[in-house]
Every structure is written in C-alpha cells, then in structure tokens.
C-alpha cells in the first residue's frame, strides 16, 4: 500500500483512501480531501492521472472544469472523472 505523506502523519489529520476505477492508488493524510489530494500528487502517486497540456487547454477552453482539478505544489491538472476519495475510517465493513 502506498502512503503519500513523505513527512508522515500530523496530529489532527485524517487518512483518505484515493482510488479510481482500477482500485486503490494510495492512502494520503490531510486536514481535508483537497489537502490529501495535494499530498498524493506531490508524492508522485497520481502521475498516471495528470492531464497532458493539450487536454488541459482543450478542457479549460471549453469549460469542462468538472473533469479535472488543480493540485500539488506544481499546480498540475489532474483527471478526476473516475477518481474517488473516502475517509479511511468510513470504509465499509465486509459482509458477514
């Protein structure tokens, strides 16, 4: 399992499970979902979700802003169409 926070867990942060249609990408800590996504992008675990410059320019010019978000220290455009982020504490228990 990939843990995205290179500096470790800080008091008050929560663990988020970041996944897409093929499964879990990583676990990232943050004070909120966006901070956890920032940490995942900065750690390199979301590299396969980063948009090309051409895609970003097309989607941005056409107003398709619900297909991506900007994250990480480099302010990179990241696909979010199939992205899921959930609190680790709210994951479902297996059926009994």
C-alpha atoms as a PDB file:
ATOM      1  CA  UNK A   1       0.000   0.000   0.000  1.00  0.00           C
ATOM      2  CA  UNK A   2       1.357   3.395  -0.946  1.00  0.00           C
ATOM      3  CA  UNK A   3       1.350   6.079   1.748  1.00  0.00           C
ATOM      4  CA  UNK A   4       1.514   9.518   0.161  1.00  0.00           C
ATOM      5  CA  UNK A   5       2.770  11.718   3.001  1.00  0.00           C
ATOM      6  CA  UNK A   6       6.541  11.772   2.949  1.00  0.00           C
ATOM      7  CA  UNK A   7       6.619  13.798   6.193  1.00  0.00           C
ATOM      8  CA  UNK A   8       4.338  11.361   7.990  1.00  0.00           C
ATOM      9  CA  UNK A   9       1.120  11.838   9.865  1.00  0.00           C
ATOM     10  CA  UNK A  10       0.497  15.087  11.733  1.00  0.00           C
ATOM     11  CA  UNK A  11      -1.835  15.477  14.708  1.00  0.00           C
ATOM     12  CA  UNK A  12      -5.386  16.204  13.594  1.00  0.00           C
ATOM     13  CA  UNK A  13      -5.022  14.862  10.062  1.00  0.00           C
ATOM     14  CA  UNK A  14      -7.260  12.137   8.718  1.00  0.00           C
ATOM     15  CA  UNK A  15      -6.441   9.274   6.387  1.00  0.00           C
ATOM     16  CA  UNK A  16      -8.105   9.249   2.969  1.00  0.00           C
ATOM     17  CA  UNK A  17      -8.243   6.361   0.527  1.00  0.00           C
ATOM     18  CA  UNK A  18      -7.727   7.635  -3.035  1.00  0.00           C
ATOM     19  CA  UNK A  19      -8.794   5.283  -5.805  1.00  0.00           C
ATOM     20  CA  UNK A  20     -10.037   5.095  -9.386  1.00  0.00           C
ATOM     21  CA  UNK A  21     -11.897   2.537 -11.480  1.00  0.00           C
ATOM     22  CA  UNK A  22      -8.994   0.053 -11.272  1.00  0.00           C
ATOM     23  CA  UNK A  23      -8.552   0.144  -7.494  1.00  0.00           C
ATOM     24  CA  UNK A  24      -6.704   1.951  -4.746  1.00  0.00           C
ATOM     25  CA  UNK A  25      -3.994   4.428  -5.743  1.00  0.00           C
ATOM     26  CA  UNK A  26      -2.765   5.349  -2.263  1.00  0.00           C
ATOM     27  CA  UNK A  27      -3.573   6.408   1.278  1.00  0.00           C
ATOM     28  CA  UNK A  28      -2.996  10.108   1.914  1.00  0.00           C
ATOM     29  CA  UNK A  29      -3.289  12.140   5.087  1.00  0.00           C
ATOM     30  CA  UNK A  30      -4.657  15.654   5.277  1.00  0.00           C
ATOM     31  CA  UNK A  31      -6.901  18.029   7.161  1.00  0.00           C
ATOM     32  CA  UNK A  32      -9.406  17.716   4.294  1.00  0.00           C
ATOM     33  CA  UNK A  33      -9.854  15.908   0.979  1.00  0.00           C
ATOM     34  CA  UNK A  34      -8.099  18.549  -1.082  1.00  0.00           C
ATOM     35  CA  UNK A  35      -5.019  18.560   1.134  1.00  0.00           C
ATOM     36  CA  UNK A  36      -4.857  14.770   0.918  1.00  0.00           C
ATOM     37  CA  UNK A  37      -5.062  15.004  -2.897  1.00  0.00           C
ATOM     38  CA  UNK A  38      -2.285  17.628  -2.868  1.00  0.00           C
ATOM     39  CA  UNK A  39      -0.096  15.251  -0.847  1.00  0.00           C
ATOM     40  CA  UNK A  40      -0.833  12.358  -3.219  1.00  0.00           C
ATOM     41  CA  UNK A  41       0.072  14.458  -6.278  1.00  0.00           C
ATOM     42  CA  UNK A  42       3.250  15.818  -4.655  1.00  0.00           C
ATOM     43  CA  UNK A  43       4.303  12.283  -3.685  1.00  0.00           C
ATOM     44  CA  UNK A  44       4.038  11.114  -7.300  1.00  0.00           C
ATOM     45  CA  UNK A  45       1.313   8.522  -6.773  1.00  0.00           C
ATOM     46  CA  UNK A  46      -1.106  10.341  -9.075  1.00  0.00           C
ATOM     47  CA  UNK A  47       1.279  10.724 -12.030  1.00  0.00           C
ATOM     48  CA  UNK A  48      -0.902   8.433 -14.154  1.00  0.00           C
ATOM     49  CA  UNK A  49      -3.834  10.842 -13.603  1.00  0.00           C
ATOM     50  CA  UNK A  50      -2.020  14.035 -14.687  1.00  0.00           C
ATOM     51  CA  UNK A  51      -3.506  15.600 -17.832  1.00  0.00           C
ATOM     52  CA  UNK A  52      -1.450  16.446 -20.868  1.00  0.00           C
ATOM     53  CA  UNK A  53      -1.063  20.150 -21.632  1.00  0.00           C
ATOM     54  CA  UNK A  54      -3.171  19.714 -24.790  1.00  0.00           C
ATOM     55  CA  UNK A  55      -6.018  18.051 -22.868  1.00  0.00           C
ATOM     56  CA  UNK A  56      -5.897  20.717 -20.170  1.00  0.00           C
ATOM     57  CA  UNK A  57      -6.050  23.542 -22.720  1.00  0.00           C
ATOM     58  CA  UNK A  58      -8.976  21.923 -24.557  1.00  0.00           C
ATOM     59  CA  UNK A  59     -10.969  21.132 -21.413  1.00  0.00           C
ATOM     60  CA  UNK A  60     -10.239  24.532 -19.890  1.00  0.00           C
ATOM     61  CA  UNK A  61     -11.240  26.459 -23.028  1.00  0.00           C
ATOM     62  CA  UNK A  62     -14.498  24.508 -23.365  1.00  0.00           C
ATOM     63  CA  UNK A  63     -15.428  24.976 -19.694  1.00  0.00           C
ATOM     64  CA  UNK A  64     -15.277  21.284 -18.819  1.00  0.00           C
ATOM     65  CA  UNK A  65     -13.940  22.108 -15.369  1.00  0.00           C
ATOM     66  CA  UNK A  66     -15.722  19.180 -13.707  1.00  0.00           C
ATOM     67  CA  UNK A  67     -13.333  16.721 -15.392  1.00  0.00           C
ATOM     68  CA  UNK A  68     -10.158  17.867 -13.634  1.00  0.00           C
ATOM     69  CA  UNK A  69      -8.773  19.718 -10.630  1.00  0.00           C
ATOM     70  CA  UNK A  70      -5.518  21.574  -9.971  1.00  0.00           C
ATOM     71  CA  UNK A  71      -3.328  20.085  -7.242  1.00  0.00           C
ATOM     72  CA  UNK A  72       0.177  19.760  -5.900  1.00  0.00           C
ATOM     73  CA  UNK A  73       2.983  22.243  -5.430  1.00  0.00           C
ATOM     74  CA  UNK A  74       3.378  22.449  -9.218  1.00  0.00           C
ATOM     75  CA  UNK A  75      -0.355  23.204  -9.709  1.00  0.00           C
ATOM     76  CA  UNK A  76      -0.819  20.321 -12.112  1.00  0.00           C
ATOM     77  CA  UNK A  77      -4.131  19.490 -13.809  1.00  0.00           C
ATOM     78  CA  UNK A  78      -5.311  16.052 -12.669  1.00  0.00           C
ATOM     79  CA  UNK A  79      -8.120  13.957 -14.163  1.00  0.00           C
ATOM     80  CA  UNK A  80     -10.949  13.408 -11.699  1.00  0.00           C
ATOM     81  CA  UNK A  81     -13.646  11.758 -13.816  1.00  0.00           C
ATOM     82  CA  UNK A  82     -13.137   8.329 -12.229  1.00  0.00           C
ATOM     83  CA  UNK A  83     -11.399   9.419  -9.046  1.00  0.00           C
ATOM     84  CA  UNK A  84     -12.778   8.509  -5.624  1.00  0.00           C
ATOM     85  CA  UNK A  85     -11.668   9.798  -2.242  1.00  0.00           C
ATOM     86  CA  UNK A  86     -13.071   8.440   1.005  1.00  0.00           C
ATOM     87  CA  UNK A  87     -12.194   8.747   4.657  1.00  0.00           C
ATOM     88  CA  UNK A  88     -10.435   5.562   5.675  1.00  0.00           C
ATOM     89  CA  UNK A  89     -12.500   5.487   8.863  1.00  0.00           C
ATOM     90  CA  UNK A  90     -15.712   5.361   6.780  1.00  0.00           C
ATOM     91  CA  UNK A  91     -14.818   2.364   4.635  1.00  0.00           C
ATOM     92  CA  UNK A  92     -17.403  -0.371   4.564  1.00  0.00           C
ATOM     93  CA  UNK A  93     -17.066  -3.439   6.731  1.00  0.00           C
ATOM     94  CA  UNK A  94     -17.101  -6.746   4.872  1.00  0.00           C
ATOM     95  CA  UNK A  95     -20.493  -8.507   4.842  1.00  0.00           C
ATOM     96  CA  UNK A  96     -20.992 -11.167   7.454  1.00  0.00           C
END
